[in-house]
Protein backbone atom coordinates (compact mmCIF):
# COMPACT_ATOMS: atom_id res chain seq x y z
CA MET A 1 0.00 0.00 0.00
CA ALA A 2 1.41 3.39 -0.99
CA GLN A 3 1.90 5.92 1.75
CA ASP A 4 0.70 9.48 1.38
CA LEU A 5 3.55 11.80 0.52
CA MET A 6 2.19 14.50 2.80
CA PRO A 7 0.46 14.10 6.13
CA PRO A 8 -3.08 15.48 6.45
CA LEU A 9 -3.17 19.25 6.93
CA THR A 10 -4.45 20.31 10.32
CA ILE A 11 -5.06 23.88 11.42
CA ASP A 12 -6.40 25.24 14.66
CA ALA A 13 -9.93 26.59 14.91
CA ASP A 14 -8.83 30.24 15.25
CA LEU A 15 -6.88 30.09 12.01
CA ALA A 16 -9.78 28.37 10.26
CA ARG A 17 -12.16 31.11 11.46
CA GLU A 18 -9.75 33.82 10.27
CA ILE A 19 -9.46 32.22 6.84
CA LEU A 20 -13.25 31.97 6.57
CA ARG A 21 -13.70 35.57 7.79
CA ARG A 22 -11.25 36.89 5.17
CA PHE A 23 -12.90 34.82 2.45
CA CYS A 24 -16.32 36.20 3.37
CA THR A 25 -15.33 39.85 3.86
CA GLU A 26 -12.39 40.62 1.56
CA ASP A 27 -13.14 40.95 -2.14
CA GLU A 28 -9.49 40.44 -3.13
CA VAL A 29 -9.37 37.06 -1.37
CA ARG A 30 -12.59 35.90 -3.06
CA VAL A 31 -11.43 37.09 -6.49
CA LYS A 32 -8.08 35.30 -6.14
CA PHE A 33 -9.82 32.11 -5.02
CA ALA A 34 -12.35 32.26 -7.86
CA THR A 35 -9.64 32.92 -10.43
CA LYS A 36 -7.48 30.02 -9.23
CA SER A 37 -10.53 27.74 -9.08
CA ARG A 38 -11.55 28.58 -12.67
CA GLU A 39 -7.99 28.08 -13.91
CA ALA A 40 -7.75 24.69 -12.21
CA LEU A 41 -11.12 23.60 -13.56
CA HIS A 42 -10.27 24.59 -17.14
CA GLU A 43 -6.86 22.94 -16.88
CA ALA A 44 -8.34 19.72 -15.49
CA ARG A 45 -10.88 19.57 -18.31
CA GLY A 46 -8.34 20.62 -20.93
CA GLU A 47 -10.55 23.56 -21.85
CA GLU A 48 -9.66 27.01 -23.02
CA PRO A 49 -11.42 29.77 -21.07
CA GLN A 50 -14.25 31.39 -23.02
CA GLY A 51 -17.01 33.94 -22.62
CA HIS A 52 -17.48 37.68 -22.68
CA ARG A 53 -14.77 38.36 -20.08
CA VAL A 54 -12.18 36.37 -22.04
CA GLU A 55 -13.21 38.23 -25.20
CA TRP A 56 -12.82 41.56 -23.36
CA VAL A 57 -9.40 40.58 -22.01
CA THR A 58 -8.26 39.48 -25.46
CA ALA A 59 -9.50 42.67 -27.16
CA THR A 60 -8.08 44.93 -24.46
CA THR A 61 -4.75 43.12 -24.54
CA GLY A 62 -4.56 43.82 -28.26
CA LYS A 63 -5.22 47.52 -27.65
CA VAL A 64 -2.56 47.69 -24.93
CA VAL A 65 0.04 45.96 -27.13
CA LYS A 66 -0.78 48.32 -30.01
CA ALA A 67 -0.41 51.35 -27.71
CA LEU A 68 2.94 50.07 -26.41
CA LEU A 69 4.24 49.46 -29.93
CA GLU A 70 3.14 52.92 -31.07
CA ALA A 71 4.79 54.52 -28.02
CA ALA A 72 7.98 52.57 -28.74
CA GLU A 73 8.00 53.73 -32.36
CA GLU A 74 7.60 57.33 -31.22
CA PHE A 75 10.39 56.94 -28.64
CA ASN A 76 12.69 55.22 -31.14
CA GLY A 77 12.04 58.00 -33.67
CA THR A 78 12.87 60.67 -31.10
CA TYR A 79 15.90 58.86 -29.65
CA PRO A 80 17.38 56.74 -32.47
CA TYR A 81 20.48 56.00 -30.36
CA ASP A 82 18.39 54.45 -27.56
CA ILE A 83 15.70 51.92 -28.56
CA ILE A 84 12.88 50.42 -26.53
CA LEU A 85 13.38 46.77 -25.58
CA LEU A 86 11.12 44.07 -24.08
CA GLY A 87 12.33 44.97 -20.59
CA ASP A 88 11.02 48.51 -21.11
CA PHE A 89 7.58 47.15 -22.00
CA LEU A 90 7.64 44.97 -18.88
CA ASP A 91 8.61 47.99 -16.76
CA VAL A 92 5.63 49.91 -18.15
CA LEU A 93 3.26 47.02 -17.42
CA ALA A 94 4.61 46.60 -13.87
CA THR A 95 4.18 50.34 -13.26
CA VAL A 96 0.62 50.23 -14.59
CA LYS A 97 -0.19 47.23 -12.40
CA GLY A 98 1.13 49.08 -9.34
CA ARG A 99 -0.97 52.14 -10.14
CA LEU A 100 -4.09 50.06 -10.67
CA VAL A 101 -3.60 48.23 -7.37
CA ARG A 102 -3.02 51.49 -5.47
CA SER A 103 -6.06 53.01 -7.15
CA ALA A 104 -8.21 50.02 -6.22
CA GLU A 105 -6.98 50.27 -2.64
CA GLY A 106 -8.01 53.93 -2.55
CA ALA A 107 -4.48 55.32 -2.23
């Protein structure tokens, strides 16, 4: 008989209550859980995500990429000795993510 690789997870009641409280009261926790659950379900079924949200994400991603490429062309035209690279795009996206998170947090 094969042994379990990991022992059963046990947590105390206070921690369990805190986890449940956060899940019930914090939108960010619920959104992260829902996102991970959907990803796992689609992966397990071998499905590609679909629906109006996926269509919106795909369309918006295209617009963002187009805007980044246009900004890079403008920069490269202005500074021909210093071109935009992938790392610059990633810096822009990280900065945008930070601003969005701070905005959502009300900062």
